[in-house]
């Protein structure tokens, strides 16, 4: 039994290793990609971690990137995320200001 790992996280990781269709991705959301990033980081699968970070670079919002960067030690994402958040027209909401992984994606 794997502690602190859900079946959906393992499914997401396996969909990268064994894709059902090579022409489209099985995962579409930041939360799904986050699951793969979490397991790839935890288990030291650096090639999958790098791949997921490339996907998230385009898919994630600045707030998502800030949360991910802080949780997974990605210092190169911090400054651009802060700048984007500071320069956007709308203010941060209370929910955004309290964002953590659980608040953001669960």
PDB file of N, CA and C in Angstrom:
ATOM      1  N   UNK A   1       0.840  -1.179   0.000  1.00  0.00           N
ATOM      2  CA  UNK A   1       0.000   0.000   0.000  1.00  0.00           C
ATOM      3  C   UNK A   1       0.884   1.240   0.000  1.00  0.00           C
ATOM      4  N   UNK A   2       0.532   2.199  -0.827  1.00  0.00           N
ATOM      5  CA  UNK A   2       1.260   3.459  -0.891  1.00  0.00           C
ATOM      6  C   UNK A   2       0.551   4.479  -0.018  1.00  0.00           C
ATOM      7  N   UNK A   3       1.253   4.983   0.966  1.00  0.00           N
ATOM      8  CA  UNK A   3       0.668   5.982   1.847  1.00  0.00           C
ATOM      9  C   UNK A   3       0.699   7.348   1.179  1.00  0.00           C
ATOM     10  N   UNK A   4      -0.351   8.114   1.367  1.00  0.00           N
ATOM     11  CA  UNK A   4      -0.450   9.475   0.858  1.00  0.00           C
ATOM     12  C   UNK A   4      -0.427   9.540  -0.674  1.00  0.00           C
ATOM     13  N   UNK A   5      -0.897   8.487  -1.335  1.00  0.00           N
ATOM     14  CA  UNK A   5      -0.997   8.458  -2.793  1.00  0.00           C
ATOM     15  C   UNK A   5      -2.377   7.924  -3.146  1.00  0.00           C
ATOM     16  N   UNK A   6      -3.085   8.661  -3.990  1.00  0.00           N
ATOM     17  CA  UNK A   6      -4.428   8.231  -4.378  1.00  0.00           C
ATOM     18  C   UNK A   6      -4.380   7.443  -5.683  1.00  0.00           C
ATOM     19  N   UNK A   7      -5.417   6.687  -5.908  1.00  0.00           N
ATOM     20  CA  UNK A   7      -5.525   5.921  -7.149  1.00  0.00           C
ATOM     21  C   UNK A   7      -5.541   6.850  -8.357  1.00  0.00           C
ATOM     22  N   UNK A   8      -6.212   7.991  -8.240  1.00  0.00           N
ATOM     23  CA  UNK A   8      -6.269   8.920  -9.373  1.00  0.00           C
ATOM     24  C   UNK A   8      -4.892   9.514  -9.689  1.00  0.00           C
ATOM     25  N   UNK A   9      -4.056   9.704  -8.661  1.00  0.00           N
ATOM     26  CA  UNK A   9      -2.696  10.191  -8.910  1.00  0.00           C
ATOM     27  C   UNK A   9      -1.873   9.142  -9.654  1.00  0.00           C
ATOM     28  N   UNK A  10      -2.001   7.905  -9.254  1.00  0.00           N
ATOM     29  CA  UNK A  10      -1.278   6.825  -9.945  1.00  0.00           C
ATOM     30  C   UNK A  10      -1.803   6.687 -11.371  1.00  0.00           C
ATOM     31  N   UNK A  11      -3.113   6.776 -11.563  1.00  0.00           N
ATOM     32  CA  UNK A  11      -3.685   6.737 -12.912  1.00  0.00           C
ATOM     33  C   UNK A  11      -3.123   7.846 -13.785  1.00  0.00           C
ATOM     34  N   UNK A  12      -3.008   9.039 -13.224  1.00  0.00           N
ATOM     35  CA  UNK A  12      -2.475  10.171 -13.980  1.00  0.00           C
ATOM     36  C   UNK A  12      -1.022   9.919 -14.384  1.00  0.00           C
ATOM     37  N   UNK A  13      -0.225   9.426 -13.456  1.00  0.00           N
ATOM     38  CA  UNK A  13       1.176   9.118 -13.765  1.00  0.00           C
ATOM     39  C   UNK A  13       1.259   8.032 -14.833  1.00  0.00           C
ATOM     40  N   UNK A  14       0.468   6.990 -14.692  1.00  0.00           N
ATOM     41  CA  UNK A  14       0.496   5.901 -15.679  1.00  0.00           C
ATOM     42  C   UNK A  14       0.032   6.356 -17.056  1.00  0.00           C
ATOM     43  N   UNK A  15      -0.844   7.364 -17.110  1.00  0.00           N
ATOM     44  CA  UNK A  15      -1.291   7.863 -18.413  1.00  0.00           C
ATOM     45  C   UNK A  15      -0.160   8.561 -19.168  1.00  0.00           C
ATOM     46  N   UNK A  16       0.855   9.011 -18.446  1.00  0.00           N
ATOM     47  CA  UNK A  16       2.042   9.579 -19.093  1.00  0.00           C
ATOM     48  C   UNK A  16       2.944   8.452 -19.593  1.00  0.00           C
ATOM     49  N   UNK A  17       3.124   7.447 -18.766  1.00  0.00           N
ATOM     50  CA  UNK A  17       4.014   6.342 -19.112  1.00  0.00           C
ATOM     51  C   UNK A  17       3.401   5.462 -20.201  1.00  0.00           C
ATOM     52  N   UNK A  18       2.094   5.208 -20.093  1.00  0.00           N
ATOM     53  CA  UNK A  18       1.378   4.361 -21.046  1.00  0.00           C
ATOM     54  C   UNK A  18       0.171   5.115 -21.606  1.00  0.00           C
ATOM     55  N   UNK A  19       0.390   6.064 -22.502  1.00  0.00           N
ATOM     56  CA  UNK A  19      -0.745   6.852 -23.015  1.00  0.00           C
ATOM     57  C   UNK A  19      -1.708   5.990 -23.836  1.00  0.00           C
ATOM     58  N   UNK A  20      -2.981   6.293 -23.716  1.00  0.00           N
ATOM     59  CA  UNK A  20      -3.988   5.557 -24.481  1.00  0.00           C
ATOM     60  C   UNK A  20      -4.047   6.049 -25.925  1.00  0.00           C
ATOM     61  N   UNK A  21      -3.574   7.277 -26.149  1.00  0.00           N
ATOM     62  CA  UNK A  21      -3.560   7.858 -27.487  1.00  0.00           C
ATOM     63  C   UNK A  21      -2.351   8.783 -27.568  1.00  0.00           C
ATOM     64  N   UNK A  22      -1.447   8.527 -28.480  1.00  0.00           N
ATOM     65  CA  UNK A  22      -0.227   9.330 -28.586  1.00  0.00           C
ATOM     66  C   UNK A  22      -0.481  10.705 -29.201  1.00  0.00           C
ATOM     67  N   UNK A  23      -1.642  10.907 -29.777  1.00  0.00           N
ATOM     68  CA  UNK A  23      -1.924  12.174 -30.455  1.00  0.00           C
ATOM     69  C   UNK A  23      -2.676  13.187 -29.601  1.00  0.00           C
ATOM     70  N   UNK A  24      -3.118  12.765 -28.422  1.00  0.00           N
ATOM     71  CA  UNK A  24      -3.764  13.710 -27.509  1.00  0.00           C
ATOM     72  C   UNK A  24      -3.459  13.280 -26.075  1.00  0.00           C
ATOM     73  N   UNK A  25      -3.474  14.228 -25.206  1.00  0.00           N
ATOM     74  CA  UNK A  25      -3.183  13.946 -23.802  1.00  0.00           C
ATOM     75  C   UNK A  25      -4.450  13.539 -23.071  1.00  0.00           C
ATOM     76  N   UNK A  26      -4.297  12.597 -22.146  1.00  0.00           N
ATOM     77  CA  UNK A  26      -5.431  12.157 -21.335  1.00  0.00           C
ATOM     78  C   UNK A  26      -5.780  13.182 -20.264  1.00  0.00           C
ATOM     79  N   UNK A  27      -4.794  13.970 -19.843  1.00  0.00           N
ATOM     80  CA  UNK A  27      -5.005  14.934 -18.757  1.00  0.00           C
ATOM     81  C   UNK A  27      -5.117  16.339 -19.339  1.00  0.00           C
ATOM     82  N   UNK A  28      -6.045  17.095 -18.791  1.00  0.00           N
ATOM     83  CA  UNK A  28      -6.282  18.438 -19.298  1.00  0.00           C
ATOM     84  C   UNK A  28      -6.146  19.526 -18.246  1.00  0.00           C
ATOM     85  N   UNK A  29      -6.329  19.205 -16.980  1.00  0.00           N
ATOM     86  CA  UNK A  29      -6.377  20.236 -15.947  1.00  0.00           C
ATOM     87  C   UNK A  29      -5.048  20.370 -15.206  1.00  0.00           C
ATOM     88  N   UNK A  30      -4.871  21.522 -14.606  1.00  0.00           N
ATOM     89  CA  UNK A  30      -3.691  21.761 -13.773  1.00  0.00           C
ATOM     90  C   UNK A  30      -3.659  20.768 -12.616  1.00  0.00           C
ATOM     91  N   UNK A  31      -4.800  20.471 -12.035  1.00  0.00           N
ATOM     92  CA  UNK A  31      -4.855  19.528 -10.911  1.00  0.00           C
ATOM     93  C   UNK A  31      -4.356  18.144 -11.313  1.00  0.00           C
ATOM     94  N   UNK A  32      -4.731  17.687 -12.509  1.00  0.00           N
ATOM     95  CA  UNK A  32      -4.268  16.380 -12.973  1.00  0.00           C
ATOM     96  C   UNK A  32      -2.749  16.388 -13.180  1.00  0.00           C
ATOM     97  N   UNK A  33      -2.252  17.437 -13.809  1.00  0.00           N
ATOM     98  CA  UNK A  33      -0.802  17.540 -14.029  1.00  0.00           C
ATOM     99  C   UNK A  33      -0.065  17.696 -12.703  1.00  0.00           C
ATOM    100  N   UNK A  34      -0.678  18.397 -11.763  1.00  0.00           N
ATOM    101  CA  UNK A  34      -0.080  18.551 -10.438  1.00  0.00           C
ATOM    102  C   UNK A  34       0.119  17.189  -9.784  1.00  0.00           C
ATOM    103  N   UNK A  35      -0.854  16.299  -9.931  1.00  0.00           N
ATOM    104  CA  UNK A  35      -0.750  14.955  -9.358  1.00  0.00           C
ATOM    105  C   UNK A  35       0.475  14.227  -9.888  1.00  0.00           C
ATOM    106  N   UNK A  36       0.684  14.336 -11.192  1.00  0.00           N
ATOM    107  CA  UNK A  36       1.848  13.686 -11.799  1.00  0.00           C
ATOM    108  C   UNK A  36       3.128  14.338 -11.302  1.00  0.00           C
ATOM    109  N   UNK A  37       3.146  15.660 -11.219  1.00  0.00           N
ATOM    110  CA  UNK A  37       4.321  16.370 -10.720  1.00  0.00           C
ATOM    111  C   UNK A  37       4.649  15.939  -9.301  1.00  0.00           C
ATOM    112  N   UNK A  38       3.637  15.822  -8.482  1.00  0.00           N
ATOM    113  CA  UNK A  38       3.852  15.418  -7.086  1.00  0.00           C
ATOM    114  C   UNK A  38       4.500  14.038  -6.993  1.00  0.00           C
ATOM    115  N   UNK A  39       3.972  13.085  -7.751  1.00  0.00           N
ATOM    116  CA  UNK A  39       4.529  11.734  -7.695  1.00  0.00           C
ATOM    117  C   UNK A  39       5.901  11.655  -8.350  1.00  0.00           C
ATOM    118  N   UNK A  40       6.075  12.323  -9.486  1.00  0.00           N
ATOM    119  CA  UNK A  40       7.378  12.303 -10.163  1.00  0.00           C
ATOM    120  C   UNK A  40       8.452  12.917  -9.275  1.00  0.00           C
ATOM    121  N   UNK A  41       8.120  13.976  -8.569  1.00  0.00           N
ATOM    122  CA  UNK A  41       9.068  14.605  -7.644  1.00  0.00           C
ATOM    123  C   UNK A  41       9.342  13.680  -6.466  1.00  0.00           C
ATOM    124  N   UNK A  42       8.292  13.157  -5.898  1.00  0.00           N
ATOM    125  CA  UNK A  42       8.418  12.285  -4.724  1.00  0.00           C
ATOM    126  C   UNK A  42       9.266  11.054  -5.021  1.00  0.00           C
ATOM    127  N   UNK A  43       9.081  10.475  -6.219  1.00  0.00           N
ATOM    128  CA  UNK A  43       9.760   9.235  -6.563  1.00  0.00           C
ATOM    129  C   UNK A  43      11.016   9.463  -7.405  1.00  0.00           C
ATOM    130  N   UNK A  44      11.409  10.707  -7.617  1.00  0.00           N
ATOM    131  CA  UNK A  44      12.651  11.009  -8.319  1.00  0.00           C
ATOM    132  C   UNK A  44      12.642  10.669  -9.804  1.00  0.00           C
ATOM    133  N   UNK A  45      11.493  10.780 -10.458  1.00  0.00           N
ATOM    134  CA  UNK A  45      11.398  10.513 -11.892  1.00  0.00           C
ATOM    135  C   UNK A  45      11.612  11.843 -12.616  1.00  0.00           C
ATOM    136  N   UNK A  46      12.867  12.210 -12.787  1.00  0.00           N
ATOM    137  CA  UNK A  46      13.204  13.556 -13.257  1.00  0.00           C
ATOM    138  C   UNK A  46      12.741  13.839 -14.679  1.00  0.00           C
ATOM    139  N   UNK A  47      12.746  12.854 -15.556  1.00  0.00           N
ATOM    140  CA  UNK A  47      12.323  13.109 -16.936  1.00  0.00           C
ATOM    141  C   UNK A  47      10.832  13.443 -16.994  1.00  0.00           C
ATOM    142  N   UNK A  48      10.017  12.747 -16.216  1.00  0.00           N
ATOM    143  CA  UNK A  48       8.584  13.047 -16.186  1.00  0.00           C
ATOM    144  C   UNK A  48       8.352  14.378 -15.490  1.00  0.00           C
ATOM    145  N   UNK A  49       9.091  14.652 -14.421  1.00  0.00           N
ATOM    146  CA  UNK A  49       8.966  15.950 -13.744  1.00  0.00           C
ATOM    147  C   UNK A  49       9.242  17.092 -14.723  1.00  0.00           C
ATOM    148  N   UNK A  50      10.313  16.983 -15.491  1.00  0.00           N
ATOM    149  CA  UNK A  50      10.657  18.024 -16.475  1.00  0.00           C
ATOM    150  C   UNK A  50       9.572  18.172 -17.527  1.00  0.00           C
ATOM    151  N   UNK A  51       9.048  17.053 -18.006  1.00  0.00           N
ATOM    152  CA  UNK A  51       7.974  17.076 -18.996  1.00  0.00           C
ATOM    153  C   UNK A  51       6.741  17.788 -18.451  1.00  0.00           C
ATOM    154  N   UNK A  52       6.357  17.445 -17.224  1.00  0.00           N
ATOM    155  CA  UNK A  52       5.172  18.048 -16.611  1.00  0.00           C
ATOM    156  C   UNK A  52       5.376  19.547 -16.411  1.00  0.00           C
ATOM    157  N   UNK A  53       6.569  19.951 -16.006  1.00  0.00           N
ATOM    158  CA  UNK A  53       6.829  21.376 -15.827  1.00  0.00           C
ATOM    159  C   UNK A  53       6.714  22.134 -17.147  1.00  0.00           C
ATOM    160  N   UNK A  54       7.123  21.511 -18.248  1.00  0.00           N
ATOM    161  CA  UNK A  54       6.949  22.140 -19.567  1.00  0.00           C
ATOM    162  C   UNK A  54       5.470  22.331 -19.884  1.00  0.00           C
ATOM    163  N   UNK A  55       4.660  21.324 -19.586  1.00  0.00           N
ATOM    164  CA  UNK A  55       3.215  21.418 -19.830  1.00  0.00           C
ATOM    165  C   UNK A  55       2.611  22.514 -18.949  1.00  0.00           C
ATOM    166  N   UNK A  56       2.959  22.501 -17.673  1.00  0.00           N
ATOM    167  CA  UNK A  56       2.395  23.477 -16.736  1.00  0.00           C
ATOM    168  C   UNK A  56       2.846  24.897 -17.032  1.00  0.00           C
ATOM    169  N   UNK A  57       4.004  25.054 -17.629  1.00  0.00           N
ATOM    170  CA  UNK A  57       4.483  26.393 -18.002  1.00  0.00           C
ATOM    171  C   UNK A  57       3.460  27.102 -18.887  1.00  0.00           C
ATOM    172  N   UNK A  58       2.829  26.353 -19.781  1.00  0.00           N
ATOM    173  CA  UNK A  58       1.822  26.928 -20.681  1.00  0.00           C
ATOM    174  C   UNK A  58       0.406  26.869 -20.119  1.00  0.00           C
ATOM    175  N   UNK A  59       0.112  25.858 -19.322  1.00  0.00           N
ATOM    176  CA  UNK A  59      -1.252  25.619 -18.862  1.00  0.00           C
ATOM    177  C   UNK A  59      -1.628  26.385 -17.591  1.00  0.00           C
ATOM    178  N   UNK A  60      -0.697  26.514 -16.681  1.00  0.00           N
ATOM    179  CA  UNK A  60      -0.992  27.080 -15.363  1.00  0.00           C
ATOM    180  C   UNK A  60      -1.127  28.600 -15.396  1.00  0.00           C
ATOM    181  N   UNK A  61      -1.983  29.107 -14.537  1.00  0.00           N
ATOM    182  CA  UNK A  61      -2.117  30.548 -14.358  1.00  0.00           C
ATOM    183  C   UNK A  61      -0.945  31.047 -13.505  1.00  0.00           C
ATOM    184  N   UNK A  62      -0.726  32.354 -13.450  1.00  0.00           N
ATOM    185  CA  UNK A  62       0.335  32.860 -12.566  1.00  0.00           C
ATOM    186  C   UNK A  62       0.153  32.421 -11.112  1.00  0.00           C
ATOM    187  N   UNK A  63      -1.078  32.395 -10.623  1.00  0.00           N
ATOM    188  CA  UNK A  63      -1.308  31.944  -9.251  1.00  0.00           C
ATOM    189  C   UNK A  63      -0.969  30.461  -9.099  1.00  0.00           C
ATOM    190  N   UNK A  64      -1.377  29.645 -10.080  1.00  0.00           N
ATOM    191  CA  UNK A  64      -1.016  28.226 -10.064  1.00  0.00           C
ATOM    192  C   UNK A  64       0.502  28.068 -10.013  1.00  0.00           C
ATOM    193  N   UNK A  65       1.193  28.825 -10.852  1.00  0.00           N
ATOM    194  CA  UNK A  65       2.659  28.736 -10.907  1.00  0.00           C
ATOM    195  C   UNK A  65       3.290  29.142  -9.583  1.00  0.00           C
ATOM    196  N   UNK A  66       2.737  30.138  -8.954  1.00  0.00           N
ATOM    197  CA  UNK A  66       3.263  30.563  -7.652  1.00  0.00           C
ATOM    198  C   UNK A  66       3.122  29.449  -6.618  1.00  0.00           C
ATOM    199  N   UNK A  67       1.955  28.835  -6.568  1.00  0.00           N
ATOM    200  CA  UNK A  67       1.716  27.744  -5.621  1.00  0.00           C
ATOM    201  C   UNK A  67       2.644  26.567  -5.931  1.00  0.00           C
ATOM    202  N   UNK A  68       2.732  26.201  -7.198  1.00  0.00           N
ATOM    203  CA  UNK A  68       3.585  25.081  -7.610  1.00  0.00           C
ATOM    204  C   UNK A  68       5.047  25.395  -7.324  1.00  0.00           C
ATOM    205  N   UNK A  69       5.492  26.587  -7.665  1.00  0.00           N
ATOM    206  CA  UNK A  69       6.900  26.966  -7.454  1.00  0.00           C
ATOM    207  C   UNK A  69       7.288  26.889  -5.990  1.00  0.00           C
ATOM    208  N   UNK A  70       6.415  27.330  -5.128  1.00  0.00           N
ATOM    209  CA  UNK A  70       6.724  27.300  -3.693  1.00  0.00           C
ATOM    210  C   UNK A  70       6.710  25.874  -3.152  1.00  0.00           C
ATOM    211  N   UNK A  71       5.801  25.060  -3.636  1.00  0.00           N
ATOM    212  CA  UNK A  71       5.694  23.694  -3.125  1.00  0.00           C
ATOM    213  C   UNK A  71       6.787  22.772  -3.674  1.00  0.00           C
ATOM    214  N   UNK A  72       7.241  23.032  -4.896  1.00  0.00           N
ATOM    215  CA  UNK A  72       8.184  22.121  -5.546  1.00  0.00           C
ATOM    216  C   UNK A  72       9.542  22.754  -5.824  1.00  0.00           C
ATOM    217  N   UNK A  73       9.845  23.856  -5.170  1.00  0.00           N
ATOM    218  CA  UNK A  73      11.147  24.499  -5.276  1.00  0.00           C
ATOM    219  C   UNK A  73      11.544  24.767  -6.731  1.00  0.00           C
ATOM    220  N   UNK A  74      10.749  25.618  -7.369  1.00  0.00           N
ATOM    221  CA  UNK A  74      11.015  26.037  -8.748  1.00  0.00           C
ATOM    222  C   UNK A  74      11.217  27.549  -8.721  1.00  0.00           C
ATOM    223  N   UNK A  75      12.404  28.008  -8.307  1.00  0.00           N
ATOM    224  CA  UNK A  75      12.629  29.434  -8.104  1.00  0.00           C
ATOM    225  C   UNK A  75      12.448  30.274  -9.368  1.00  0.00           C
ATOM    226  N   UNK A  76      12.686  29.718 -10.533  1.00  0.00           N
ATOM    227  CA  UNK A  76      12.537  30.479 -11.773  1.00  0.00           C
ATOM    228  C   UNK A  76      11.112  30.883 -12.087  1.00  0.00           C
ATOM    229  N   UNK A  77      10.151  30.259 -11.452  1.00  0.00           N
ATOM    230  CA  UNK A  77       8.753  30.602 -11.681  1.00  0.00           C
ATOM    231  C   UNK A  77       8.249  31.684 -10.735  1.00  0.00           C
ATOM    232  N   UNK A  78       8.965  31.937  -9.651  1.00  0.00           N
ATOM    233  CA  UNK A  78       8.450  32.852  -8.626  1.00  0.00           C
ATOM    234  C   UNK A  78       8.330  34.290  -9.115  1.00  0.00           C
ATOM    235  N   UNK A  79       9.429  34.871  -9.571  1.00  0.00           N
ATOM    236  CA  UNK A  79       9.401  36.286  -9.961  1.00  0.00           C
ATOM    237  C   UNK A  79       8.388  36.557 -11.075  1.00  0.00           C
ATOM    238  N   UNK A  80       8.378  35.772 -12.169  1.00  0.00           N
ATOM    239  CA  UNK A  80       7.362  36.032 -13.202  1.00  0.00           C
ATOM    240  C   UNK A  80       5.929  35.895 -12.685  1.00  0.00           C
ATOM    241  N   UNK A  81       5.699  34.950 -11.792  1.00  0.00           N
ATOM    242  CA  UNK A  81       4.349  34.781 -11.239  1.00  0.00           C
ATOM    243  C   UNK A  81       3.954  35.989 -10.401  1.00  0.00           C
ATOM    244  N   UNK A  82       4.869  36.442  -9.539  1.00  0.00           N
ATOM    245  CA  UNK A  82       4.579  37.632  -8.721  1.00  0.00           C
ATOM    246  C   UNK A  82       4.346  38.855  -9.604  1.00  0.00           C
ATOM    247  N   UNK A  83       5.179  39.038 -10.608  1.00  0.00           N
ATOM    248  CA  UNK A  83       5.035  40.193 -11.504  1.00  0.00           C
ATOM    249  C   UNK A  83       3.685  40.142 -12.215  1.00  0.00           C
ATOM    250  N   UNK A  84       3.327  38.981 -12.750  1.00  0.00           N
ATOM    251  CA  UNK A  84       2.033  38.847 -13.436  1.00  0.00           C
ATOM    252  C   UNK A  84       0.866  39.151 -12.507  1.00  0.00           C
ATOM    253  N   UNK A  85       0.943  38.650 -11.290  1.00  0.00           N
ATOM    254  CA  UNK A  85      -0.142  38.900 -10.341  1.00  0.00           C
ATOM    255  C   UNK A  85      -0.216  40.372  -9.953  1.00  0.00           C
ATOM    256  N   UNK A  86       0.931  41.006  -9.805  1.00  0.00           N
ATOM    257  CA  UNK A  86       0.942  42.424  -9.425  1.00  0.00           C
ATOM    258  C   UNK A  86       0.478  43.333 -10.552  1.00  0.00           C
ATOM    259  N   UNK A  87       0.726  42.939 -11.784  1.00  0.00           N
ATOM    260  CA  UNK A  87       0.385  43.789 -12.926  1.00  0.00           C
ATOM    261  C   UNK A  87      -1.025  43.563 -13.471  1.00  0.00           C
ATOM    262  N   UNK A  88      -1.689  42.535 -13.025  1.00  0.00           N
ATOM    263  CA  UNK A  88      -3.023  42.296 -13.561  1.00  0.00           C
ATOM    264  C   UNK A  88      -3.995  43.364 -13.046  1.00  0.00           C
ATOM    265  N   UNK A  89      -5.051  43.577 -13.794  1.00  0.00           N
ATOM    266  CA  UNK A  89      -5.997  44.652 -13.480  1.00  0.00           C
ATOM    267  C   UNK A  89      -6.804  44.373 -12.220  1.00  0.00           C
ATOM    268  N   UNK A  90      -7.270  43.138 -12.055  1.00  0.00           N
ATOM    269  CA  UNK A  90      -8.099  42.833 -10.883  1.00  0.00           C
ATOM    270  C   UNK A  90      -7.222  42.481  -9.686  1.00  0.00           C
ATOM    271  N   UNK A  91      -7.706  42.842  -8.522  1.00  0.00           N
ATOM    272  CA  UNK A  91      -6.995  42.530  -7.280  1.00  0.00           C
ATOM    273  C   UNK A  91      -7.139  41.048  -6.964  1.00  0.00           C
ATOM    274  N   UNK A  92      -6.223  40.555  -6.139  1.00  0.00           N
ATOM    275  CA  UNK A  92      -6.363  39.187  -5.665  1.00  0.00           C
ATOM    276  C   UNK A  92      -7.624  39.076  -4.819  1.00  0.00           C
ATOM    277  N   UNK A  93      -8.338  37.992  -4.986  1.00  0.00           N
ATOM    278  CA  UNK A  93      -9.501  37.746  -4.131  1.00  0.00           C
ATOM    279  C   UNK A  93      -9.005  37.147  -2.821  1.00  0.00           C
ATOM    280  N   UNK A  94      -9.873  37.085  -1.856  1.00  0.00           N
ATOM    281  CA  UNK A  94      -9.543  36.454  -0.572  1.00  0.00           C
ATOM    282  C   UNK A  94      -9.130  35.003  -0.800  1.00  0.00           C
ATOM    283  N   UNK A  95      -9.887  34.296  -1.626  1.00  0.00           N
ATOM    284  CA  UNK A  95      -9.600  32.888  -1.911  1.00  0.00           C
ATOM    285  C   UNK A  95      -8.220  32.750  -2.562  1.00  0.00           C
ATOM    286  N   UNK A  96      -7.928  33.610  -3.529  1.00  0.00           N
ATOM    287  CA  UNK A  96      -6.618  33.555  -4.174  1.00  0.00           C
ATOM    288  C   UNK A  96      -5.494  33.862  -3.189  1.00  0.00           C
ATOM    289  N   UNK A  97      -5.723  34.796  -2.311  1.00  0.00           N
ATOM    290  CA  UNK A  97      -4.711  35.165  -1.330  1.00  0.00           C
ATOM    291  C   UNK A  97      -4.408  34.058  -0.334  1.00  0.00           C
ATOM    292  N   UNK A  98      -5.342  33.157  -0.148  1.00  0.00           N
ATOM    293  CA  UNK A  98      -5.156  32.042   0.776  1.00  0.00           C
ATOM    294  C   UNK A  98      -4.809  30.754   0.041  1.00  0.00           C
ATOM    295  N   UNK A  99      -4.441  30.843  -1.223  1.00  0.00           N
ATOM    296  CA  UNK A  99      -4.259  29.665  -2.071  1.00  0.00           C
ATOM    297  C   UNK A  99      -3.165  28.735  -1.570  1.00  0.00           C
ATOM    298  N   UNK A 100      -3.534  27.489  -1.486  1.00  0.00           N
ATOM    299  CA  UNK A 100      -2.598  26.384  -1.290  1.00  0.00           C
ATOM    300  C   UNK A 100      -3.044  25.317  -2.269  1.00  0.00           C
ATOM    301  N   UNK A 101      -2.327  24.239  -2.354  1.00  0.00           N
ATOM    302  CA  UNK A 101      -2.748  23.166  -3.253  1.00  0.00           C
ATOM    303  C   UNK A 101      -4.170  22.736  -2.939  1.00  0.00           C
ATOM    304  N   UNK A 102      -4.470  22.475  -1.687  1.00  0.00           N
ATOM    305  CA  UNK A 102      -5.786  21.966  -1.325  1.00  0.00           C
ATOM    306  C   UNK A 102      -6.887  22.983  -1.628  1.00  0.00           C
ATOM    307  N   UNK A 103      -6.606  24.261  -1.375  1.00  0.00           N
ATOM    308  CA  UNK A 103      -7.599  25.286  -1.676  1.00  0.00           C
ATOM    309  C   UNK A 103      -7.797  25.437  -3.176  1.00  0.00           C
ATOM    310  N   UNK A 104      -6.720  25.277  -3.917  1.00  0.00           N
ATOM    311  CA  UNK A 104      -6.749  25.576  -5.342  1.00  0.00           C
ATOM    312  C   UNK A 104      -7.316  24.439  -6.185  1.00  0.00           C
ATOM    313  N   UNK A 105      -6.968  23.193  -5.848  1.00  0.00           N
ATOM    314  CA  UNK A 105      -7.290  22.103  -6.765  1.00  0.00           C
ATOM    315  C   UNK A 105      -8.095  20.969  -6.178  1.00  0.00           C
ATOM    316  N   UNK A 106      -8.397  20.970  -4.927  1.00  0.00           N
ATOM    317  CA  UNK A 106      -9.200  19.868  -4.380  1.00  0.00           C
ATOM    318  C   UNK A 106     -10.611  20.305  -4.081  1.00  0.00           C
TER     319      UNK A 106
END
